[in-house]
N, C-alpha and C. Protein backbone atom coordinates (compact mmCIF):
# COMPACT_ATOMS: atom_id res chain seq x y z
N MET A 1 24.31 1.80 -15.58
CA MET A 1 23.95 2.61 -15.76
C MET A 1 23.22 3.57 -14.43
N GLN A 2 23.53 4.67 -14.14
CA GLN A 2 23.35 5.06 -12.42
C GLN A 2 21.96 5.83 -12.71
N LEU A 3 21.57 5.05 -11.66
CA LEU A 3 20.22 5.93 -11.48
C LEU A 3 19.65 6.52 -10.12
N HIS A 4 20.73 6.55 -9.39
CA HIS A 4 20.66 7.46 -8.24
C HIS A 4 20.88 9.24 -8.44
N GLY A 5 19.78 9.72 -7.94
CA GLY A 5 19.83 11.20 -8.41
C GLY A 5 19.28 11.66 -9.77
N ARG A 6 18.98 10.54 -10.78
CA ARG A 6 18.36 10.78 -12.22
C ARG A 6 17.25 11.39 -11.87
N ILE A 7 16.36 11.59 -10.86
CA ILE A 7 14.80 12.46 -10.93
C ILE A 7 15.44 14.19 -11.41
N HIS A 8 16.75 14.49 -10.66
CA HIS A 8 16.96 15.44 -10.68
C HIS A 8 17.13 16.27 -11.76
N TYR A 9 17.56 15.51 -12.79
CA TYR A 9 18.34 16.08 -14.12
C TYR A 9 16.99 16.02 -15.30
N LEU A 10 15.65 15.11 -14.89
CA LEU A 10 14.71 15.08 -16.11
C LEU A 10 14.48 16.57 -16.24
N PRO A 11 13.68 16.20 -17.47
CA PRO A 11 13.17 17.83 -18.21
C PRO A 11 12.01 17.87 -17.57
N SER A 12 11.50 19.32 -17.58
CA SER A 12 10.23 19.52 -16.54
C SER A 12 9.35 19.01 -17.34
N TYR A 13 8.76 18.51 -18.22
CA TYR A 13 7.72 17.91 -18.66
C TYR A 13 7.60 16.51 -18.02
N ALA A 14 8.71 16.08 -17.73
CA ALA A 14 8.73 14.49 -17.44
C ALA A 14 8.81 14.58 -15.85
N LYS A 15 9.18 15.73 -15.22
CA LYS A 15 8.75 15.99 -13.81
C LYS A 15 7.54 16.20 -13.48
N HIS A 16 6.42 17.04 -14.60
CA HIS A 16 5.54 17.43 -14.48
C HIS A 16 4.61 16.16 -14.46
N PHE A 17 4.93 15.56 -15.10
CA PHE A 17 4.38 13.97 -15.37
C PHE A 17 4.32 13.19 -13.86
N ILE A 18 5.47 13.16 -13.51
CA ILE A 18 5.70 12.49 -12.50
C ILE A 18 5.20 13.05 -11.31
N VAL A 19 4.92 13.95 -11.29
CA VAL A 19 4.18 14.69 -10.02
C VAL A 19 2.66 14.80 -9.94
N ALA A 20 2.10 14.93 -11.48
CA ALA A 20 0.77 14.16 -12.08
C ALA A 20 0.26 12.85 -11.56
N PHE A 21 1.57 11.81 -11.76
CA PHE A 21 1.01 10.51 -11.86
C PHE A 21 1.09 10.19 -9.93
N VAL A 22 1.89 10.49 -9.26
CA VAL A 22 2.07 10.51 -7.71
C VAL A 22 1.00 11.41 -7.30
N ILE A 23 0.25 12.16 -7.74
CA ILE A 23 -0.79 12.60 -7.00
C ILE A 23 -2.05 11.64 -7.39
N VAL A 24 -2.28 11.47 -8.44
CA VAL A 24 -3.45 10.86 -8.83
C VAL A 24 -3.54 9.24 -7.97
N LEU A 25 -2.20 8.92 -7.89
CA LEU A 25 -1.82 7.44 -7.72
C LEU A 25 -2.30 7.56 -6.09
N SER A 26 -1.82 8.46 -5.42
CA SER A 26 -1.92 8.78 -4.04
C SER A 26 -3.45 8.99 -3.80
N VAL A 27 -4.53 9.82 -4.71
CA VAL A 27 -5.70 10.11 -4.60
C VAL A 27 -6.42 8.59 -4.48
N GLY A 28 -6.23 7.64 -5.41
CA GLY A 28 -6.32 6.73 -5.42
C GLY A 28 -6.29 5.55 -4.66
N TYR A 29 -5.10 5.68 -4.08
CA TYR A 29 -4.66 4.85 -2.57
C TYR A 29 -5.59 5.45 -1.58
N ILE A 30 -5.49 6.62 -1.41
CA ILE A 30 -6.36 7.17 -0.28
C ILE A 30 -7.48 6.81 -0.01
N THR A 31 -8.62 6.97 -1.53
CA THR A 31 -9.70 6.50 -1.52
C THR A 31 -10.00 4.94 -1.31
N GLY A 32 -9.07 4.35 -1.40
CA GLY A 32 -8.63 2.82 -1.27
C GLY A 32 -9.01 2.57 0.60
N LEU A 33 -8.16 3.45 1.09
CA LEU A 33 -8.28 3.36 2.69
C LEU A 33 -9.46 3.78 3.17
N GLN A 34 -10.43 4.54 2.53
CA GLN A 34 -11.81 5.27 2.80
C GLN A 34 -12.86 4.06 2.31
N PHE A 35 -12.39 3.65 1.53
CA PHE A 35 -13.08 2.27 1.60
C PHE A 35 -13.20 1.16 2.70
N VAL A 36 -11.96 0.73 3.21
CA VAL A 36 -11.74 0.29 4.10
C VAL A 36 -12.35 0.83 5.34
N ARG A 37 -12.32 1.93 5.69
CA ARG A 37 -12.78 2.91 7.13
C ARG A 37 -14.50 2.25 6.42
N GLN A 38 -15.08 2.69 5.58
CA GLN A 38 -16.46 2.71 5.56
C GLN A 38 -17.02 1.02 5.85
N THR A 39 -15.99 0.31 5.29
CA THR A 39 -16.80 -1.31 5.63
C THR A 39 -16.68 -1.54 7.09
N ASP A 40 -16.19 -0.47 8.12
CA ASP A 40 -15.64 -1.17 9.55
C ASP A 40 -14.41 -1.90 9.27
N SER A 41 -13.72 -1.82 8.49
CA SER A 41 -12.50 -3.00 8.42
C SER A 41 -10.96 -2.34 8.77
N ASP A 42 -11.07 -1.29 9.99
CA ASP A 42 -9.92 -0.37 10.09
C ASP A 42 -9.37 -0.59 11.74
N ASP A 43 -10.15 -1.81 12.32
CA ASP A 43 -9.59 -2.49 13.82
C ASP A 43 -9.57 -3.83 13.27
N PRO A 44 -8.93 -4.27 14.63
CA PRO A 44 -9.02 -6.21 14.23
C PRO A 44 -10.16 -6.93 14.34
N VAL A 45 -11.29 -5.89 15.06
CA VAL A 45 -12.47 -6.80 15.12
C VAL A 45 -13.53 -6.69 13.92
N GLY A 46 -13.46 -5.35 13.24
CA GLY A 46 -14.12 -5.10 12.00
C GLY A 46 -12.97 -5.59 10.77
N ILE A 47 -11.59 -6.08 10.71
CA ILE A 47 -11.08 -6.95 10.15
C ILE A 47 -11.85 -8.45 10.03
N GLU A 48 -11.90 -8.76 11.10
CA GLU A 48 -12.29 -10.01 11.23
C GLU A 48 -13.79 -10.33 10.61
N GLN A 49 -14.56 -9.44 11.09
CA GLN A 49 -16.09 -9.60 10.66
C GLN A 49 -16.40 -9.06 9.59
N ASN A 50 -15.36 -8.73 8.93
CA ASN A 50 -15.38 -8.37 7.61
C ASN A 50 -15.51 -9.54 6.44
N TYR A 51 -14.78 -10.58 7.11
CA TYR A 51 -14.53 -11.86 6.21
C TYR A 51 -14.99 -12.80 6.50
N LEU A 52 -15.50 -12.62 7.74
CA LEU A 52 -15.89 -14.13 8.59
C LEU A 52 -17.36 -13.71 8.82
N GLY A 53 -18.06 -12.83 8.90
CA GLY A 53 -19.00 -12.43 9.38
C GLY A 53 -19.52 -12.07 10.64
N ASN A 54 -20.49 -11.48 10.94
CA ASN A 54 -21.19 -11.09 12.11
C ASN A 54 -22.53 -11.54 12.25
N GLU A 55 -23.00 -12.89 11.78
CA GLU A 55 -24.31 -12.98 11.92
C GLU A 55 -24.69 -13.62 13.19
N HIS A 56 -23.81 -13.91 13.86
CA HIS A 56 -23.75 -14.76 15.25
C HIS A 56 -23.83 -13.45 16.26
N ILE A 57 -23.68 -12.32 15.90
CA ILE A 57 -23.67 -11.17 17.12
C ILE A 57 -25.27 -11.10 16.89
N GLU A 58 -25.71 -10.69 18.12
CA GLU A 58 -27.13 -9.65 18.16
C GLU A 58 -27.23 -8.70 17.83
N GLU A 59 -26.60 -7.57 18.17
CA GLU A 59 -26.43 -6.51 17.81
C GLU A 59 -25.59 -5.81 16.89
N VAL A 60 -25.74 -5.82 15.46
CA VAL A 60 -24.77 -5.24 14.87
C VAL A 60 -25.50 -3.91 13.69
N LYS A 61 -24.84 -2.81 13.42
CA LYS A 61 -25.38 -2.06 12.74
C LYS A 61 -25.59 -2.11 11.25
N VAL A 62 -24.64 -3.03 10.51
CA VAL A 62 -24.56 -3.81 9.34
C VAL A 62 -24.26 -5.50 9.43
N MET A 63 -24.94 -5.96 9.23
CA MET A 63 -24.76 -7.66 9.23
C MET A 63 -23.87 -8.12 8.10
N LYS A 64 -23.14 -8.94 8.25
CA LYS A 64 -22.01 -9.43 7.16
C LYS A 64 -22.08 -10.61 7.71
N PHE A 65 -21.60 -11.43 6.35
CA PHE A 65 -21.76 -13.17 6.20
C PHE A 65 -20.29 -12.75 5.69
N LYS A 66 -19.99 -14.31 6.43
CA LYS A 66 -18.45 -14.90 5.96
C LYS A 66 -18.66 -15.25 4.12
N LYS A 67 -17.39 -14.79 3.64
CA LYS A 67 -16.99 -14.56 2.14
C LYS A 67 -16.83 -15.93 2.10
N GLY A 68 -17.32 -16.04 0.56
CA GLY A 68 -17.12 -17.60 0.46
C GLY A 68 -15.85 -17.60 -0.56
N GLU A 69 -15.57 -18.78 -0.96
CA GLU A 69 -14.00 -18.79 -1.72
C GLU A 69 -13.97 -17.98 -2.59
N ARG A 70 -14.76 -18.09 -4.06
CA ARG A 70 -14.58 -17.21 -4.84
C ARG A 70 -14.54 -15.90 -4.83
N GLU A 71 -15.35 -15.47 -3.98
CA GLU A 71 -14.80 -14.09 -3.62
C GLU A 71 -13.61 -13.59 -2.67
N MET A 72 -13.08 -14.87 -2.09
CA MET A 72 -11.92 -14.16 -1.33
C MET A 72 -11.10 -14.39 -2.30
N LEU A 73 -11.21 -15.30 -3.42
CA LEU A 73 -9.84 -15.37 -4.49
C LEU A 73 -10.02 -14.25 -5.11
N THR A 74 -11.02 -13.67 -5.51
CA THR A 74 -11.11 -12.41 -6.36
C THR A 74 -10.51 -11.37 -5.57
N ILE A 75 -11.31 -10.96 -4.66
CA ILE A 75 -10.36 -9.86 -3.43
C ILE A 75 -8.80 -10.10 -3.37
N LEU A 76 -8.43 -11.41 -3.32
CA LEU A 76 -6.86 -11.88 -3.09
C LEU A 76 -6.27 -11.29 -4.46
N HIS A 77 -6.77 -11.89 -5.32
CA HIS A 77 -6.06 -12.00 -6.64
C HIS A 77 -6.29 -10.60 -6.91
N THR A 78 -6.96 -9.72 -7.11
CA THR A 78 -7.20 -8.26 -7.52
C THR A 78 -6.30 -7.52 -6.54
N HIS A 79 -6.26 -7.57 -5.40
CA HIS A 79 -5.69 -6.50 -4.37
C HIS A 79 -3.94 -6.87 -4.89
N ILE A 80 -3.97 -8.01 -4.68
CA ILE A 80 -2.10 -8.46 -5.02
C ILE A 80 -1.18 -7.93 -6.04
N LEU A 81 -2.29 -8.20 -7.17
CA LEU A 81 -1.89 -7.88 -8.59
C LEU A 81 -1.83 -6.24 -8.38
N SER A 82 -2.99 -5.45 -8.28
CA SER A 82 -3.20 -4.11 -8.42
C SER A 82 -2.10 -3.33 -7.34
N ILE A 83 -2.06 -3.45 -6.13
CA ILE A 83 -0.96 -3.09 -5.55
C ILE A 83 0.49 -3.19 -5.37
N SER A 84 0.85 -4.25 -5.86
CA SER A 84 2.21 -4.81 -6.53
C SER A 84 2.82 -3.84 -7.66
N PHE A 85 1.53 -3.30 -8.56
CA PHE A 85 2.16 -2.53 -9.27
C PHE A 85 1.77 -1.20 -9.14
N ILE A 86 1.38 -1.01 -8.23
CA ILE A 86 1.85 0.51 -7.43
C ILE A 86 2.89 0.68 -7.09
N PHE A 87 3.11 -0.37 -6.28
CA PHE A 87 4.43 -0.38 -5.59
C PHE A 87 5.55 -0.62 -6.77
N PHE A 88 5.36 -0.97 -7.26
CA PHE A 88 6.61 -1.21 -8.44
C PHE A 88 6.60 0.12 -8.89
N LEU A 89 5.86 0.42 -9.54
CA LEU A 89 5.85 1.89 -10.14
C LEU A 89 6.08 2.93 -9.27
N LEU A 90 5.88 3.02 -8.12
CA LEU A 90 6.16 4.30 -7.07
C LEU A 90 7.87 3.74 -6.87
N GLY A 91 8.33 2.79 -6.26
CA GLY A 91 9.64 2.18 -6.11
C GLY A 91 10.46 2.59 -7.47
N GLY A 92 9.73 2.28 -8.44
CA GLY A 92 10.66 2.89 -9.41
C GLY A 92 11.30 4.09 -9.62
N LEU A 93 10.34 5.00 -9.19
CA LEU A 93 10.71 6.44 -9.03
C LEU A 93 11.25 6.80 -8.06
N VAL A 94 11.24 6.26 -6.68
CA VAL A 94 12.18 6.28 -5.46
C VAL A 94 13.35 6.01 -5.81
N SER A 95 13.66 4.94 -6.77
CA SER A 95 14.58 4.15 -7.52
C SER A 95 15.71 5.34 -7.81
N ILE A 96 15.20 6.14 -8.38
CA ILE A 96 15.71 7.57 -9.42
C ILE A 96 16.01 8.70 -8.24
N THR A 97 15.74 8.69 -7.22
CA THR A 97 15.84 10.02 -6.17
C THR A 97 17.34 10.13 -6.03
N SER A 98 17.53 10.86 -4.99
CA SER A 98 19.58 10.45 -4.32
C SER A 98 18.85 10.55 -2.96
N LEU A 99 18.07 9.72 -2.38
CA LEU A 99 17.56 9.31 -1.24
C LEU A 99 18.84 8.18 -1.06
N PRO A 100 18.95 8.27 0.37
CA PRO A 100 20.16 7.38 0.95
C PRO A 100 19.75 5.83 0.34
N LYS A 101 20.49 4.84 0.14
CA LYS A 101 20.59 4.10 -0.46
C LYS A 101 19.88 2.73 0.35
N LYS A 102 19.92 2.88 1.61
CA LYS A 102 19.43 2.25 2.43
C LYS A 102 17.90 2.49 2.68
N LEU A 103 17.56 4.05 2.78
CA LEU A 103 16.32 3.81 2.88
C LEU A 103 15.57 3.69 1.42
N LYS A 104 16.26 4.09 0.22
CA LYS A 104 15.60 4.06 -0.89
C LYS A 104 15.48 2.53 -0.89
N SER A 105 16.20 1.22 -0.57
CA SER A 105 15.73 -0.13 -0.47
C SER A 105 14.77 -0.28 0.43
N PHE A 106 14.56 -0.09 1.27
CA PHE A 106 13.72 -0.22 2.24
C PHE A 106 12.31 0.23 1.80
N LEU A 107 12.06 1.32 1.27
CA LEU A 107 11.06 1.98 0.46
C LEU A 107 10.63 1.02 -0.97
N MET A 108 11.45 0.60 -1.23
CA MET A 108 11.46 -0.24 -2.50
C MET A 108 10.79 -1.00 -2.15
N ILE A 109 11.62 -2.27 -1.53
CA ILE A 109 11.13 -3.61 -0.86
C ILE A 109 10.08 -3.97 -0.12
N GLU A 110 10.27 -3.44 1.14
CA GLU A 110 9.07 -3.73 2.20
C GLU A 110 7.74 -3.84 1.73
N PRO A 111 7.44 -2.48 0.77
CA PRO A 111 5.84 -2.91 0.32
C PRO A 111 5.17 -4.38 -0.08
N PHE A 112 6.34 -4.88 -0.83
CA PHE A 112 5.94 -6.45 -0.82
C PHE A 112 5.80 -7.41 0.00
N PHE A 113 6.53 -7.10 1.04
CA PHE A 113 6.51 -7.76 2.60
C PHE A 113 5.24 -7.78 2.81
N SER A 114 4.74 -6.61 2.62
CA SER A 114 3.83 -5.82 3.63
C SER A 114 2.40 -6.93 2.77
N ILE A 115 2.41 -6.79 1.33
CA ILE A 115 1.21 -7.22 0.71
C ILE A 115 1.03 -8.37 0.99
N ILE A 116 2.52 -9.41 1.08
CA ILE A 116 2.27 -10.84 1.21
C ILE A 116 1.46 -11.01 2.77
N PHE A 117 2.08 -10.17 3.70
CA PHE A 117 1.68 -9.98 5.09
C PHE A 117 0.01 -9.87 5.47
N THR A 118 -0.29 -8.68 4.59
CA THR A 118 -1.39 -8.27 4.58
C THR A 118 -2.79 -9.27 4.15
N PHE A 119 -2.43 -9.60 2.32
CA PHE A 119 -3.33 -10.46 1.98
C PHE A 119 -3.29 -11.86 1.96
N GLY A 120 -1.97 -12.15 2.75
CA GLY A 120 -1.47 -13.86 3.38
C GLY A 120 -2.41 -13.69 4.43
N GLY A 121 -2.25 -12.76 5.37
CA GLY A 121 -2.94 -12.71 6.36
C GLY A 121 -4.37 -12.73 6.60
N ILE A 122 -4.99 -12.10 5.50
CA ILE A 122 -6.48 -12.55 5.45
C ILE A 122 -7.14 -13.73 4.82
N TYR A 123 -6.42 -14.27 4.23
CA TYR A 123 -6.42 -15.29 3.88
C TYR A 123 -6.65 -16.56 4.72
N LEU A 124 -5.32 -16.59 5.49
CA LEU A 124 -5.35 -16.86 6.76
C LEU A 124 -6.04 -16.90 8.03
N LEU A 125 -6.54 -15.61 8.10
CA LEU A 125 -8.05 -15.24 8.69
C LEU A 125 -9.41 -15.94 8.51
N TRP A 126 -9.63 -15.88 7.27
CA TRP A 126 -10.69 -16.33 6.65
C TRP A 126 -10.37 -18.02 6.95
N LYS A 127 -9.28 -18.77 6.43
CA LYS A 127 -9.18 -20.02 6.97
C LYS A 127 -9.49 -20.62 8.34
N GLY A 128 -9.33 -19.24 9.50
CA GLY A 128 -9.59 -19.53 11.10
C GLY A 128 -8.55 -19.24 11.72
N VAL A 129 -7.59 -18.62 11.25
CA VAL A 129 -6.55 -18.48 11.89
C VAL A 129 -6.63 -16.80 12.38
N LEU A 130 -7.48 -16.63 13.92
CA LEU A 130 -7.94 -15.49 14.05
C LEU A 130 -7.33 -14.53 14.26
N TRP A 131 -5.85 -14.64 14.71
CA TRP A 131 -4.87 -13.90 15.58
C TRP A 131 -4.47 -12.92 14.29
N MET A 132 -4.30 -13.78 12.94
CA MET A 132 -4.10 -12.81 12.05
C MET A 132 -4.97 -11.71 11.83
N LYS A 133 -5.49 -11.56 12.33
CA LYS A 133 -6.13 -9.79 12.20
C LYS A 133 -4.97 -9.25 12.81
N TRP A 134 -4.22 -9.17 13.82
CA TRP A 134 -3.53 -8.18 14.20
C TRP A 134 -2.23 -8.09 13.28
N VAL A 135 -1.47 -9.27 12.52
CA VAL A 135 -0.67 -9.10 11.32
C VAL A 135 -1.64 -8.27 10.16
N VAL A 136 -2.75 -8.54 10.07
CA VAL A 136 -3.46 -7.93 8.86
C VAL A 136 -3.19 -6.14 8.92
N MET A 137 -3.75 -5.73 10.31
CA MET A 137 -3.68 -4.48 10.72
C MET A 137 -2.55 -3.98 10.62
N VAL A 138 -1.58 -4.62 11.46
CA VAL A 138 0.04 -4.21 11.30
C VAL A 138 0.52 -4.13 9.95
N SER A 139 0.60 -4.79 9.15
CA SER A 139 1.18 -5.04 7.85
C SER A 139 0.24 -3.89 7.09
N GLY A 140 -0.95 -3.60 6.99
CA GLY A 140 -1.35 -2.54 6.58
C GLY A 140 -1.02 -1.09 6.82
N VAL A 141 -0.78 -1.08 8.36
CA VAL A 141 -0.65 0.64 8.66
C VAL A 141 0.95 0.22 8.10
N ILE A 142 2.00 -0.86 8.20
CA ILE A 142 3.13 -0.31 7.79
C ILE A 142 3.55 -0.04 6.16
N MET A 143 2.18 -0.59 5.33
CA MET A 143 1.96 -0.58 4.10
C MET A 143 1.85 0.97 3.73
N THR A 144 0.58 1.30 4.07
CA THR A 144 -0.10 2.83 4.22
C THR A 144 1.52 3.96 4.33
N LEU A 145 2.28 3.53 5.08
CA LEU A 145 3.40 4.76 6.11
C LEU A 145 4.31 4.43 4.77
N VAL A 146 4.40 3.54 4.63
CA VAL A 146 5.72 3.36 3.50
C VAL A 146 5.00 3.96 2.03
N PHE A 147 3.91 3.96 1.77
CA PHE A 147 3.09 4.28 0.63
C PHE A 147 3.50 6.00 0.81
N ILE A 148 2.98 6.58 1.77
CA ILE A 148 2.76 8.33 2.09
C ILE A 148 4.11 8.69 1.82
N THR A 149 5.33 7.85 2.61
CA THR A 149 6.69 8.20 2.90
C THR A 149 7.44 8.26 1.42
N ALA A 150 6.98 7.61 0.87
CA ALA A 150 7.71 7.47 -0.73
C ALA A 150 7.10 8.20 -1.40
N ALA A 151 5.93 8.58 -1.63
CA ALA A 151 4.93 9.71 -2.29
C ALA A 151 5.44 11.04 -2.18
N ILE A 152 5.69 11.40 -0.72
CA ILE A 152 6.15 12.42 -0.22
C ILE A 152 7.38 12.90 -0.99
N LEU A 153 8.19 11.93 -0.68
CA LEU A 153 9.88 11.88 -1.16
C LEU A 153 10.31 11.97 -2.27
N VAL A 154 9.20 11.41 -3.15
CA VAL A 154 9.46 11.80 -4.56
C VAL A 154 8.75 12.85 -5.20
N LEU A 155 7.84 13.20 -4.10
CA LEU A 155 7.63 14.61 -4.94
C LEU A 155 8.15 16.03 -4.38
N ILE A 156 9.17 15.80 -3.45
CA ILE A 156 10.24 16.60 -3.09
C ILE A 156 11.41 16.62 -3.56
N HIS A 157 11.86 15.13 -4.20
CA HIS A 157 12.77 15.01 -4.94
C HIS A 157 12.45 15.99 -6.64
N VAL A 158 11.53 15.74 -7.08
CA VAL A 158 11.23 15.93 -8.42
C VAL A 158 11.98 17.56 -8.35
N TYR A 159 11.29 18.38 -7.28
CA TYR A 159 11.78 19.67 -7.52
C TYR A 159 13.26 19.97 -6.80
N LYS A 160 13.84 19.10 -6.00
CA LYS A 160 14.89 19.01 -5.19
C LYS A 160 16.27 19.77 -6.07
N LYS A 161 17.07 20.51 -5.86
CA LYS A 161 18.18 20.10 -6.34
C LYS A 161 19.32 19.52 -6.28
N PRO A 162 19.82 19.10 -7.29
CA PRO A 162 20.93 17.67 -6.84
C PRO A 162 22.44 18.54 -6.52
N ILE A 163 22.76 17.48 -5.36
CA ILE A 163 23.70 18.27 -4.48
C ILE A 163 25.13 17.52 -5.35
N ILE A 164 25.70 18.49 -5.40
CA ILE A 164 27.12 18.29 -6.58
C ILE A 164 28.49 17.87 -5.47
N ASN A 165 28.72 16.73 -5.72
CA ASN A 165 30.05 16.20 -4.77
C ASN A 165 31.05 16.53 -5.96
N ASN A 166 32.08 17.20 -5.18
CA ASN A 166 33.33 17.33 -5.66
C ASN A 166 34.38 16.25 -5.87
C-alpha cells in the first residue's frame, strides 16, 4: 500500500478531523511544557532540584524533596507510555504526507530516541548521575522541536495540493 502523499487525497471530513486532532494534541503538548516551566524544570539546575530536591539549599523560593521510588516509577511509566502514543499517532500522520522520505523517517523515529534519553536520563539523574540533567534538557528540547515541526508540516500538508509527477 502506498502511504506517501495519501493525505492529499483524503475527503474533507477526514482532513478536518486531522486538523482538529493535531491542534488539540498541540494544545495538550504545550500545556505539558507550561507545567515543566511552572515547576522550574526548564533548566539543568531546575531539572536536578525537581527530582533530587533542594532542601539542602538555604534560600529557595519553593522547597522540594527528593522524589521517592514509587513516585519516580509512576512519572516514568505514565510519561513514557503517553508520549509514545502521542508520537505514534503524529508519526502515522507524517507517514501519509508527501514530505521527502528521509525527513519523514527522522520525524517519525527520532522522538522515540528522545523519549528514552529524556526519561532514562531522568531516572539516571535520580539515581545520582548528575550530568544526565544535560542529556534530559537537550533531548527534551529536540523532542519538542520535532513535535512542533511534525505538527506544523502535517497541518500544511492537509491542505497542500498534491504534486503530480508525469
